[in-house]
Amino acid sequence: MLHGYNPPQRFLPYLSWREIVELPDRANTVIVLPTGATEQHGPHLPCAVDTVIAAGVVGHALAALPASVPAYAMAPITYGKSEEHLNFPGTMTLSGETLLATMNEIGESVYRAGFRKLLIVNGHGGQPQVMEMAARELRLRHGDFIVVPSFTWRVPHVAGQYLSEREKKLAMHAGHAETALMLALAPDTVHMAHAVTNYPPEFPSRLLSPDGRPACAWSARDFGPSGIIGDPLPATAEQGQAILESLAQSWAQAITELHELHWAPRAEATWGRGQFSGHVEGRAPG
């Protein structure tokens, strides 16, 4: 069913418009939007990794919430800005402009429905800047809209206890942590017999890159034909389950804190259409 990993009673598209209108506290109800991508993740993982991880973590977090915390997931965004993987079949990408417009228009729809707290849980490392730009634009339009753009892995989790020092330092794509989490979330899509180890060379300038990660723009094919940037071989489903549970608990706490959060509303006076206006409400695009 469409709700995927989410508890059905916490899946926003399953509500009717009347049920949404009758929600007791829409302004403090947290709407969670998982965003991912459809892009190659090596020969051992499906192209849906970023979407599966974002949606799976959000769903497990919502399942861990107490009933007293009002929060609903939206259907995940399954296509992202993935040009760095275009040389591999299966990668589907939007331009940055298209993704930004999509995020803004979804955000406007959330606001129009009466909600004032939107959490974006992004699973694709190639597009956090777009999420941040959309959040800023929505905030500038609507001074009472709290939009939090974040990354699936930003909250506390236990993945680090399983990773080698080299993996922590250089892995970026389809490595140990992502593979373990996919073994927990969607094991039928993982083919460990095809997994290989592949690390990028350390970046030669310590001033530009103190940790040795590439400081310049890169494409996945720069690091070899597999599409992997890391070492997925040590990953296990048991590790993935522990990582999933730690991420879910952290995100459940973050959602709770966002529900309870009070953020300073923007002053009434604002700039609008090139001139100062004493009272300009946030306006829709166009």
Protein backbone atom coordinates (compact mmCIF):
# COMPACT_ATOMS: atom_id res chain seq x y z
CA MET A 1 0.00 0.00 0.00
CA LEU A 2 0.98 3.61 -0.48
CA HIS A 3 1.79 4.24 3.21
CA GLY A 4 4.85 1.99 2.94
CA TYR A 5 6.78 1.95 6.22
CA ASN A 6 4.44 4.45 7.89
CA PRO A 7 1.69 3.52 10.34
CA PRO A 8 -1.45 4.04 8.20
CA GLN A 9 -3.03 6.28 10.83
CA ARG A 10 -0.03 8.63 10.53
CA PHE A 11 -0.05 8.87 6.73
CA LEU A 12 -1.42 12.26 5.65
CA PRO A 13 -2.73 11.21 2.20
CA TYR A 14 -5.07 8.71 3.91
CA LEU A 15 -6.99 11.55 5.58
CA SER A 16 -9.94 13.19 3.87
CA TRP A 17 -10.02 16.97 3.54
CA ARG A 18 -12.70 17.08 6.23
CA GLU A 19 -10.54 15.07 8.62
CA ILE A 20 -7.67 17.48 8.00
CA VAL A 21 -9.89 20.48 8.72
CA GLU A 22 -11.03 18.86 11.96
CA LEU A 23 -7.52 18.14 13.28
CA PRO A 24 -7.40 19.83 16.70
CA ASP A 25 -4.05 21.65 16.40
CA ARG A 26 -2.86 21.91 12.82
CA ALA A 27 -0.44 24.73 13.62
CA ASN A 28 1.60 22.43 15.88
CA THR A 29 1.06 19.21 13.96
CA VAL A 30 4.34 18.12 12.38
CA ILE A 31 4.21 17.18 8.70
CA VAL A 32 7.19 15.04 7.69
CA LEU A 33 8.30 14.91 4.06
CA PRO A 34 10.86 12.18 3.20
CA THR A 35 12.89 13.11 0.14
CA GLY A 36 15.14 10.75 -1.73
CA ALA A 37 16.34 9.96 -5.21
CA THR A 38 16.38 7.26 -7.84
CA GLU A 39 20.04 6.74 -8.70
CA GLN A 40 22.60 3.99 -8.98
CA HIS A 41 24.00 2.56 -5.77
CA GLY A 42 26.50 0.09 -7.12
CA PRO A 43 25.81 -3.39 -8.50
CA HIS A 44 24.55 -4.75 -5.15
CA LEU A 45 21.91 -2.19 -4.17
CA PRO A 46 18.74 -0.93 -5.89
CA CYS A 47 18.47 2.55 -7.36
CA ALA A 48 15.82 3.42 -4.76
CA VAL A 49 18.22 3.40 -1.77
CA ASP A 50 17.95 7.07 -0.78
CA THR A 51 14.16 7.02 -0.98
CA VAL A 52 13.83 3.71 0.88
CA ILE A 53 16.12 4.88 3.69
CA ALA A 54 14.44 8.27 4.13
CA ALA A 55 10.93 6.78 4.01
CA GLY A 56 11.87 3.79 6.16
CA VAL A 57 13.49 5.85 8.89
CA VAL A 58 10.57 8.31 8.94
CA GLY A 59 8.03 5.49 9.11
CA HIS A 60 9.79 3.78 12.01
CA ALA A 61 10.15 7.12 13.80
CA LEU A 62 6.43 7.81 13.50
CA ALA A 63 5.69 4.32 14.79
CA ALA A 64 7.78 5.10 17.87
CA LEU A 65 5.93 8.33 18.66
CA PRO A 66 3.48 8.47 21.55
CA ALA A 67 -0.11 9.05 20.46
CA SER A 68 -0.04 12.47 22.12
CA VAL A 69 2.36 13.85 19.51
CA PRO A 70 0.47 14.82 16.32
CA ALA A 71 2.60 14.07 13.26
CA TYR A 72 1.96 12.74 9.78
CA ALA A 73 4.16 11.60 6.93
CA MET A 74 3.65 12.61 3.34
CA ALA A 75 4.41 10.29 0.45
CA PRO A 76 8.15 10.46 -0.28
CA ILE A 77 9.67 12.40 -3.14
CA THR A 78 11.32 9.63 -5.13
CA TYR A 79 13.24 11.68 -7.70
CA GLY A 80 16.01 14.11 -6.84
CA LYS A 81 18.99 15.99 -8.20
CA SER A 82 21.28 13.13 -9.19
CA GLU A 83 23.43 14.36 -12.09
CA GLU A 84 26.59 12.98 -10.48
CA HIS A 85 25.31 9.47 -11.23
CA LEU A 86 24.06 10.00 -14.78
CA ASN A 87 26.66 7.71 -16.32
CA PHE A 88 24.99 4.69 -14.72
CA PRO A 89 21.72 3.22 -16.05
CA GLY A 90 18.74 3.53 -13.72
CA THR A 91 19.62 7.00 -12.51
CA MET A 92 16.69 9.39 -12.92
CA THR A 93 17.30 13.04 -12.20
CA LEU A 94 15.57 16.37 -11.90
CA SER A 95 17.34 19.65 -12.45
CA GLY A 96 18.01 21.77 -9.42
CA GLU A 97 15.44 24.28 -10.65
CA THR A 98 12.74 21.64 -11.02
CA LEU A 99 13.43 20.13 -7.61
CA LEU A 100 13.42 23.56 -5.97
CA ALA A 101 10.10 24.43 -7.60
CA THR A 102 8.68 21.07 -6.51
CA MET A 103 9.74 21.58 -2.91
CA ASN A 104 8.34 25.11 -2.85
CA GLU A 105 4.99 24.07 -4.31
CA ILE A 106 4.62 21.13 -1.92
CA GLY A 107 5.50 23.46 0.94
CA GLU A 108 2.86 25.95 -0.22
CA SER A 109 0.29 23.14 -0.25
CA VAL A 110 1.21 22.13 3.30
CA TYR A 111 0.84 25.74 4.44
CA ARG A 112 -2.45 26.19 2.58
CA ALA A 113 -3.84 23.16 4.43
CA GLY A 114 -3.33 24.99 7.72
CA PHE A 115 -0.12 23.31 8.88
CA ARG A 116 2.75 25.45 10.15
CA LYS A 117 5.50 22.91 10.87
CA LEU A 118 7.19 21.01 8.04
CA LEU A 119 10.15 18.66 8.55
CA ILE A 120 12.08 17.60 5.45
CA VAL A 121 14.07 14.39 5.99
CA ASN A 122 16.39 14.16 3.01
CA GLY A 123 18.13 10.89 2.19
CA HIS A 124 20.24 12.03 -0.80
CA GLY A 125 23.58 13.72 -0.18
CA GLY A 126 23.53 15.50 -3.54
CA GLN A 127 20.68 17.91 -2.77
CA PRO A 128 20.74 19.37 0.77
CA GLN A 129 21.39 22.83 -0.64
CA VAL A 130 18.13 22.66 -2.61
CA MET A 131 16.22 21.68 0.55
CA GLU A 132 17.78 24.61 2.42
CA MET A 133 16.92 27.05 -0.37
CA ALA A 134 13.30 25.88 -0.43
CA ALA A 135 13.01 26.17 3.34
CA ARG A 136 14.37 29.72 3.25
CA GLU A 137 12.04 30.77 0.44
CA LEU A 138 9.01 29.35 2.25
CA ARG A 139 10.01 31.13 5.45
CA LEU A 140 10.35 34.45 3.63
CA ARG A 141 6.87 34.06 2.16
CA HIS A 142 5.24 32.94 5.38
CA GLY A 143 6.51 34.35 8.66
CA ASP A 144 4.64 31.78 10.75
CA PHE A 145 5.90 28.75 8.79
CA ILE A 146 8.61 26.65 10.48
CA VAL A 147 10.38 24.57 7.82
CA VAL A 148 13.28 22.37 8.96
CA PRO A 149 15.45 20.86 6.19
CA SER A 150 17.59 18.03 7.53
CA PHE A 151 19.50 14.90 6.52
CA THR A 152 18.50 11.37 7.46
CA TRP A 153 21.87 10.71 9.09
CA ARG A 154 22.20 14.05 10.93
CA VAL A 155 20.64 12.85 14.19
CA PRO A 156 22.49 10.57 16.66
CA HIS A 157 22.82 6.93 15.56
CA VAL A 158 25.04 3.91 16.17
CA ALA A 159 26.43 3.34 12.66
CA GLY A 160 29.88 4.59 13.63
CA GLN A 161 30.51 1.68 15.96
CA TYR A 162 30.46 -0.72 13.01
CA LEU A 163 32.55 1.29 10.53
CA SER A 164 36.29 1.14 9.96
CA GLU A 165 38.29 4.35 10.26
CA ARG A 166 38.83 4.36 6.51
CA GLU A 167 35.09 3.99 5.93
CA LYS A 168 34.35 6.90 8.26
CA LYS A 169 36.93 9.00 6.48
CA LEU A 170 36.30 8.29 2.79
CA ALA A 171 33.03 6.42 2.18
CA MET A 172 30.35 8.47 0.44
CA HIS A 173 28.01 6.19 -1.50
CA ALA A 174 26.66 2.62 -1.29
CA GLY A 175 29.11 1.71 1.43
CA HIS A 176 28.86 -0.08 4.77
CA ALA A 177 26.15 1.97 6.53
CA GLU A 178 23.75 2.29 3.60
CA THR A 179 24.12 -1.40 2.76
CA ALA A 180 23.46 -2.48 6.35
CA LEU A 181 20.37 -0.30 6.55
CA MET A 182 19.03 -1.68 3.27
CA LEU A 183 19.58 -5.23 4.56
CA ALA A 184 17.24 -4.28 7.41
CA LEU A 185 14.67 -2.33 5.38
CA ALA A 186 14.51 -4.14 2.03
CA PRO A 187 16.69 -7.28 2.12
CA ASP A 188 15.20 -8.76 -1.06
CA THR A 189 16.70 -5.88 -3.06
CA VAL A 190 20.28 -6.40 -1.80
CA HIS A 191 22.68 -8.69 -3.66
CA MET A 192 25.83 -8.98 -1.59
CA ALA A 193 27.45 -11.34 -4.09
CA HIS A 194 27.91 -8.31 -6.37
CA ALA A 195 29.31 -5.97 -3.70
CA VAL A 196 32.88 -4.71 -4.07
CA THR A 197 35.14 -2.36 -2.14
CA ASN A 198 36.06 0.90 -3.82
CA TYR A 199 37.48 4.03 -2.17
CA PRO A 200 38.37 7.34 -3.79
CA PRO A 201 41.98 8.50 -3.65
CA GLU A 202 42.64 10.94 -0.83
CA PHE A 203 42.49 14.55 -1.97
CA PRO A 204 46.08 15.83 -2.22
CA SER A 205 45.53 19.27 -0.62
CA ARG A 206 45.21 19.25 3.16
CA LEU A 207 44.31 22.95 3.18
CA LEU A 208 41.34 22.35 0.88
CA SER A 209 40.43 18.98 2.41
CA PRO A 210 41.75 18.23 5.91
CA ASP A 211 40.04 14.81 5.98
CA GLY A 212 41.08 13.73 2.48
CA ARG A 213 37.59 13.70 0.97
CA PRO A 214 37.27 15.22 -2.51
CA ALA A 215 37.09 19.01 -2.16
CA CYS A 216 36.21 19.53 -5.82
CA ALA A 217 33.00 18.64 -7.64
CA TRP A 218 32.93 14.98 -8.64
CA SER A 219 31.01 12.43 -10.64
CA ALA A 220 30.62 8.84 -9.46
CA ARG A 221 32.43 7.55 -12.53
CA ASP A 222 35.54 9.50 -11.45
CA PHE A 223 36.15 6.76 -8.89
CA GLY A 224 35.74 3.68 -11.07
CA PRO A 225 33.14 1.57 -12.87
CA SER A 226 31.25 0.09 -9.90
CA GLY A 227 29.47 3.22 -8.66
CA ILE A 228 30.42 2.29 -5.08
CA ILE A 229 32.39 4.74 -2.95
CA GLY A 230 33.17 2.80 0.21
CA ASP A 231 33.21 -0.78 1.49
CA PRO A 232 29.83 -2.54 1.77
CA LEU A 233 31.30 -6.01 2.40
CA PRO A 234 31.17 -6.02 6.24
CA ALA A 235 27.50 -4.96 6.36
CA THR A 236 24.94 -7.24 8.03
CA ALA A 237 21.20 -7.10 8.60
CA GLU A 238 21.75 -7.11 12.38
CA GLN A 239 23.88 -3.99 12.12
CA GLY A 240 21.25 -2.42 9.89
CA GLN A 241 18.49 -3.14 12.40
CA ALA A 242 20.48 -1.50 15.19
CA ILE A 243 21.20 1.53 13.00
CA LEU A 244 17.54 1.77 12.01
CA GLU A 245 16.32 1.62 15.60
CA SER A 246 18.78 4.31 16.69
CA LEU A 247 17.82 6.61 13.82
CA ALA A 248 14.10 6.04 14.45
CA GLN A 249 14.40 6.86 18.15
CA SER A 250 16.39 10.01 17.44
CA TRP A 251 13.93 11.20 14.80
CA ALA A 252 10.97 10.43 17.08
CA GLN A 253 12.57 12.70 19.67
CA ALA A 254 13.26 15.38 17.03
CA ILE A 255 9.63 15.28 15.84
CA THR A 256 8.46 15.60 19.43
CA GLU A 257 10.70 18.61 19.98
CA LEU A 258 9.47 20.23 16.77
CA HIS A 259 5.86 19.71 17.88
CA GLU A 260 6.63 21.46 21.16
CA LEU A 261 8.82 24.15 19.64
CA HIS A 262 7.89 27.84 19.62
CA TRP A 263 9.87 29.92 17.17
CA ALA A 264 9.84 33.70 16.94
CA PRO A 265 7.28 34.83 14.36
CA ARG A 266 8.49 37.30 11.76
CA ALA A 267 7.71 40.95 12.39
CA GLU A 268 4.66 42.29 10.57
CA ALA A 269 6.68 44.80 8.56
CA THR A 270 8.43 43.23 5.58
CA TRP A 271 9.66 43.90 2.10
CA GLY A 272 7.28 43.12 -0.73
CA ARG A 273 7.45 43.53 -4.50
CA GLY A 274 10.41 45.87 -4.40
CA GLN A 275 9.09 48.31 -1.78
CA PHE A 276 8.63 48.41 1.97
CA SER A 277 5.16 47.64 3.21
CA GLY A 278 3.96 47.95 6.77
CA HIS A 279 1.85 44.79 6.63
CA VAL A 280 2.49 42.21 3.94
CA GLU A 281 1.45 38.61 4.51
CA GLY A 282 3.46 35.81 2.96
CA ARG A 283 2.44 35.50 -0.66
CA ALA A 284 2.25 32.50 -2.94
CA PRO A 285 4.75 32.18 -5.81
CA GLY A 286 4.10 34.01 -9.02
